[in-house]
């Protein structure tokens, strides 16, 4: 029984999902929204992700009922995507993996997006 936590932050949405043997236990997300007619800039998007990633992490753990000691692997989207948001989320995923002494797997965003439909959740990219 594998329990994986995945971090996704390749664009304006940040999400952290937890699955156990293919069953989604948690999948909280936050979206960076700009005023109408404006796009989102990588720097501003990264700041958004940095400001809420720990809250989303706490929500994922609480919603799933999983403790860090129970997690087998940490996954994260390594690209392609917007550089600054990807780096922001990758730093958190790598820090969590080190603190919790877990292996870490970088996932290609395109491959993950294709395969995540297996679970019926578009934003579980980091978990596939």
C-alpha atoms as a PDB file:
ATOM      1  CA  UNK A   1       0.000   0.000   0.000  1.00  0.00           C
ATOM      2  CA  UNK A   2       1.728   3.135  -1.244  1.00  0.00           C
ATOM      3  CA  UNK A   3       0.841   6.558   0.086  1.00  0.00           C
ATOM      4  CA  UNK A   4       2.099   9.441  -2.056  1.00  0.00           C
ATOM      5  CA  UNK A   5       1.904  13.196  -1.639  1.00  0.00           C
ATOM      6  CA  UNK A   6       2.235  15.330  -4.742  1.00  0.00           C
ATOM      7  CA  UNK A   7       2.915  19.051  -5.176  1.00  0.00           C
ATOM      8  CA  UNK A   8       1.721  20.823  -8.359  1.00  0.00           C
ATOM      9  CA  UNK A   9       2.421  24.462  -9.095  1.00  0.00           C
ATOM     10  CA  UNK A  10       3.373  24.832 -12.751  1.00  0.00           C
ATOM     11  CA  UNK A  11       1.063  27.769 -13.493  1.00  0.00           C
ATOM     12  CA  UNK A  12      -1.502  29.850 -11.616  1.00  0.00           C
ATOM     13  CA  UNK A  13      -2.906  26.958  -9.570  1.00  0.00           C
ATOM     14  CA  UNK A  14      -1.171  25.264  -6.647  1.00  0.00           C
ATOM     15  CA  UNK A  15      -2.397  21.927  -5.387  1.00  0.00           C
ATOM     16  CA  UNK A  16      -1.250  19.196  -3.054  1.00  0.00           C
ATOM     17  CA  UNK A  17      -2.793  15.770  -3.378  1.00  0.00           C
ATOM     18  CA  UNK A  18      -2.482  12.635  -1.299  1.00  0.00           C
ATOM     19  CA  UNK A  19      -3.363   9.206  -2.649  1.00  0.00           C
ATOM     20  CA  UNK A  20      -3.264   5.745  -1.124  1.00  0.00           C
ATOM     21  CA  UNK A  21      -3.257   2.835  -3.541  1.00  0.00           C
ATOM     22  CA  UNK A  22      -4.946   4.935  -6.223  1.00  0.00           C
ATOM     23  CA  UNK A  23      -7.624   6.339  -3.907  1.00  0.00           C
ATOM     24  CA  UNK A  24      -7.633  10.129  -3.591  1.00  0.00           C
ATOM     25  CA  UNK A  25      -7.566  11.074   0.093  1.00  0.00           C
ATOM     26  CA  UNK A  26      -7.067  14.833  -0.350  1.00  0.00           C
ATOM     27  CA  UNK A  27      -6.666  17.333  -3.176  1.00  0.00           C
ATOM     28  CA  UNK A  28      -6.849  20.947  -1.902  1.00  0.00           C
ATOM     29  CA  UNK A  29      -5.947  23.769  -4.308  1.00  0.00           C
ATOM     30  CA  UNK A  30      -5.624  27.523  -4.543  1.00  0.00           C
ATOM     31  CA  UNK A  31      -5.757  29.621  -7.714  1.00  0.00           C
ATOM     32  CA  UNK A  32      -3.949  32.888  -8.350  1.00  0.00           C
ATOM     33  CA  UNK A  33      -6.496  35.177 -10.004  1.00  0.00           C
ATOM     34  CA  UNK A  34      -5.612  38.488 -11.630  1.00  0.00           C
ATOM     35  CA  UNK A  35      -7.965  41.346 -12.545  1.00  0.00           C
ATOM     36  CA  UNK A  36      -9.916  40.840 -15.791  1.00  0.00           C
ATOM     37  CA  UNK A  37      -7.858  41.546 -18.882  1.00  0.00           C
ATOM     38  CA  UNK A  38      -4.517  40.968 -17.155  1.00  0.00           C
ATOM     39  CA  UNK A  39      -2.413  37.871 -17.384  1.00  0.00           C
ATOM     40  CA  UNK A  40      -0.487  36.386 -14.533  1.00  0.00           C
ATOM     41  CA  UNK A  41       3.240  37.034 -14.278  1.00  0.00           C
ATOM     42  CA  UNK A  42       5.600  34.286 -13.109  1.00  0.00           C
ATOM     43  CA  UNK A  43       6.987  36.382 -10.226  1.00  0.00           C
ATOM     44  CA  UNK A  44       3.530  37.272  -8.887  1.00  0.00           C
ATOM     45  CA  UNK A  45       2.314  33.712  -9.334  1.00  0.00           C
ATOM     46  CA  UNK A  46       5.318  32.377  -7.407  1.00  0.00           C
ATOM     47  CA  UNK A  47       4.627  34.810  -4.558  1.00  0.00           C
ATOM     48  CA  UNK A  48       1.045  33.557  -4.440  1.00  0.00           C
ATOM     49  CA  UNK A  49       2.193  29.945  -4.261  1.00  0.00           C
ATOM     50  CA  UNK A  50       4.733  30.778  -1.557  1.00  0.00           C
ATOM     51  CA  UNK A  51       2.082  32.548   0.495  1.00  0.00           C
ATOM     52  CA  UNK A  52      -0.332  29.622   0.583  1.00  0.00           C
ATOM     53  CA  UNK A  53       1.660  26.398   0.068  1.00  0.00           C
ATOM     54  CA  UNK A  54       1.965  25.596   3.786  1.00  0.00           C
ATOM     55  CA  UNK A  55      -1.754  26.169   4.319  1.00  0.00           C
ATOM     56  CA  UNK A  56      -2.555  23.861   1.389  1.00  0.00           C
ATOM     57  CA  UNK A  57      -0.125  21.278   2.784  1.00  0.00           C
ATOM     58  CA  UNK A  58      -1.826  21.409   6.191  1.00  0.00           C
ATOM     59  CA  UNK A  59      -5.242  21.069   4.521  1.00  0.00           C
ATOM     60  CA  UNK A  60      -4.082  18.023   2.550  1.00  0.00           C
ATOM     61  CA  UNK A  61      -2.736  16.299   5.658  1.00  0.00           C
ATOM     62  CA  UNK A  62      -5.816  17.145   7.742  1.00  0.00           C
ATOM     63  CA  UNK A  63      -8.293  16.148   5.016  1.00  0.00           C
ATOM     64  CA  UNK A  64      -6.528  12.849   4.359  1.00  0.00           C
ATOM     65  CA  UNK A  65      -5.977  11.917   7.991  1.00  0.00           C
ATOM     66  CA  UNK A  66      -2.441  10.903   7.015  1.00  0.00           C
ATOM     67  CA  UNK A  67       0.596  11.722   9.132  1.00  0.00           C
ATOM     68  CA  UNK A  68       3.962  12.506   7.509  1.00  0.00           C
ATOM     69  CA  UNK A  69       5.408   9.278   8.934  1.00  0.00           C
ATOM     70  CA  UNK A  70       2.848   7.310   6.872  1.00  0.00           C
ATOM     71  CA  UNK A  71       3.822   8.863   3.528  1.00  0.00           C
ATOM     72  CA  UNK A  72       6.018   6.694   1.308  1.00  0.00           C
ATOM     73  CA  UNK A  73       7.042   9.152  -1.398  1.00  0.00           C
ATOM     74  CA  UNK A  74       6.974  12.872  -2.204  1.00  0.00           C
ATOM     75  CA  UNK A  75       6.270  13.855  -5.825  1.00  0.00           C
ATOM     76  CA  UNK A  76       6.350  17.229  -7.548  1.00  0.00           C
ATOM     77  CA  UNK A  77       5.840  18.712 -10.987  1.00  0.00           C
ATOM     78  CA  UNK A  78       9.302  19.465 -12.359  1.00  0.00           C
ATOM     79  CA  UNK A  79       8.203  20.990 -15.646  1.00  0.00           C
ATOM     80  CA  UNK A  80       7.334  22.157 -18.148  1.00  0.00           C
ATOM     81  CA  UNK A  81       5.593  25.210 -16.764  1.00  0.00           C
ATOM     82  CA  UNK A  82       6.267  28.714 -15.503  1.00  0.00           C
ATOM     83  CA  UNK A  83       9.769  28.762 -14.010  1.00  0.00           C
ATOM     84  CA  UNK A  84       9.229  30.803 -10.851  1.00  0.00           C
ATOM     85  CA  UNK A  85       6.113  28.957  -9.639  1.00  0.00           C
ATOM     86  CA  UNK A  86       7.698  25.581 -10.438  1.00  0.00           C
ATOM     87  CA  UNK A  87      10.805  26.441  -8.420  1.00  0.00           C
ATOM     88  CA  UNK A  88       8.760  27.742  -5.489  1.00  0.00           C
ATOM     89  CA  UNK A  89       6.789  24.525  -5.211  1.00  0.00           C
ATOM     90  CA  UNK A  90       9.804  22.296  -5.890  1.00  0.00           C
ATOM     91  CA  UNK A  91      11.704  23.895  -3.005  1.00  0.00           C
ATOM     92  CA  UNK A  92       8.848  23.073  -0.640  1.00  0.00           C
ATOM     93  CA  UNK A  93       8.538  19.505  -1.951  1.00  0.00           C
ATOM     94  CA  UNK A  94      12.297  18.940  -1.591  1.00  0.00           C
ATOM     95  CA  UNK A  95      12.305  20.436   1.904  1.00  0.00           C
ATOM     96  CA  UNK A  96       9.392  18.237   2.968  1.00  0.00           C
ATOM     97  CA  UNK A  97      11.117  15.151   1.526  1.00  0.00           C
ATOM     98  CA  UNK A  98      14.286  15.949   3.462  1.00  0.00           C
ATOM     99  CA  UNK A  99      12.489  16.777   6.713  1.00  0.00           C
ATOM    100  CA  UNK A 100      10.363  13.649   6.515  1.00  0.00           C
ATOM    101  CA  UNK A 101      13.231  11.492   5.169  1.00  0.00           C
ATOM    102  CA  UNK A 102      11.238  10.381   2.109  1.00  0.00           C
ATOM    103  CA  UNK A 103      12.280   9.684  -1.478  1.00  0.00           C
ATOM    104  CA  UNK A 104      11.300  12.333  -3.995  1.00  0.00           C
ATOM    105  CA  UNK A 105      10.198  11.953  -7.611  1.00  0.00           C
ATOM    106  CA  UNK A 106      10.001  14.750 -10.161  1.00  0.00           C
ATOM    107  CA  UNK A 107       7.124  14.292 -12.606  1.00  0.00           C
ATOM    108  CA  UNK A 108       6.873  15.684 -16.133  1.00  0.00           C
ATOM    109  CA  UNK A 109       3.820  17.931 -16.218  1.00  0.00           C
ATOM    110  CA  UNK A 110       2.615  16.732 -19.626  1.00  0.00           C
ATOM    111  CA  UNK A 111       2.926  13.051 -18.766  1.00  0.00           C
ATOM    112  CA  UNK A 112       1.275  13.630 -15.406  1.00  0.00           C
ATOM    113  CA  UNK A 113      -1.629  15.523 -16.947  1.00  0.00           C
ATOM    114  CA  UNK A 114      -2.192  12.689 -19.381  1.00  0.00           C
ATOM    115  CA  UNK A 115      -2.057   9.970 -16.735  1.00  0.00           C
ATOM    116  CA  UNK A 116      -3.881  11.747 -13.909  1.00  0.00           C
ATOM    117  CA  UNK A 117      -7.215  11.275 -15.648  1.00  0.00           C
ATOM    118  CA  UNK A 118      -6.915   7.690 -14.436  1.00  0.00           C
ATOM    119  CA  UNK A 119      -7.947   9.029 -11.028  1.00  0.00           C
ATOM    120  CA  UNK A 120     -10.534  11.470 -12.363  1.00  0.00           C
ATOM    121  CA  UNK A 121      -8.752  14.491 -10.903  1.00  0.00           C
ATOM    122  CA  UNK A 122      -7.095  16.984 -13.192  1.00  0.00           C
ATOM    123  CA  UNK A 123      -4.749  18.398 -10.534  1.00  0.00           C
ATOM    124  CA  UNK A 124      -3.251  15.239  -9.081  1.00  0.00           C
ATOM    125  CA  UNK A 125      -0.409  15.660 -11.541  1.00  0.00           C
ATOM    126  CA  UNK A 126       2.399  15.284  -9.030  1.00  0.00           C
ATOM    127  CA  UNK A 127       1.100  11.919  -7.900  1.00  0.00           C
ATOM    128  CA  UNK A 128       1.264   9.892 -11.070  1.00  0.00           C
END
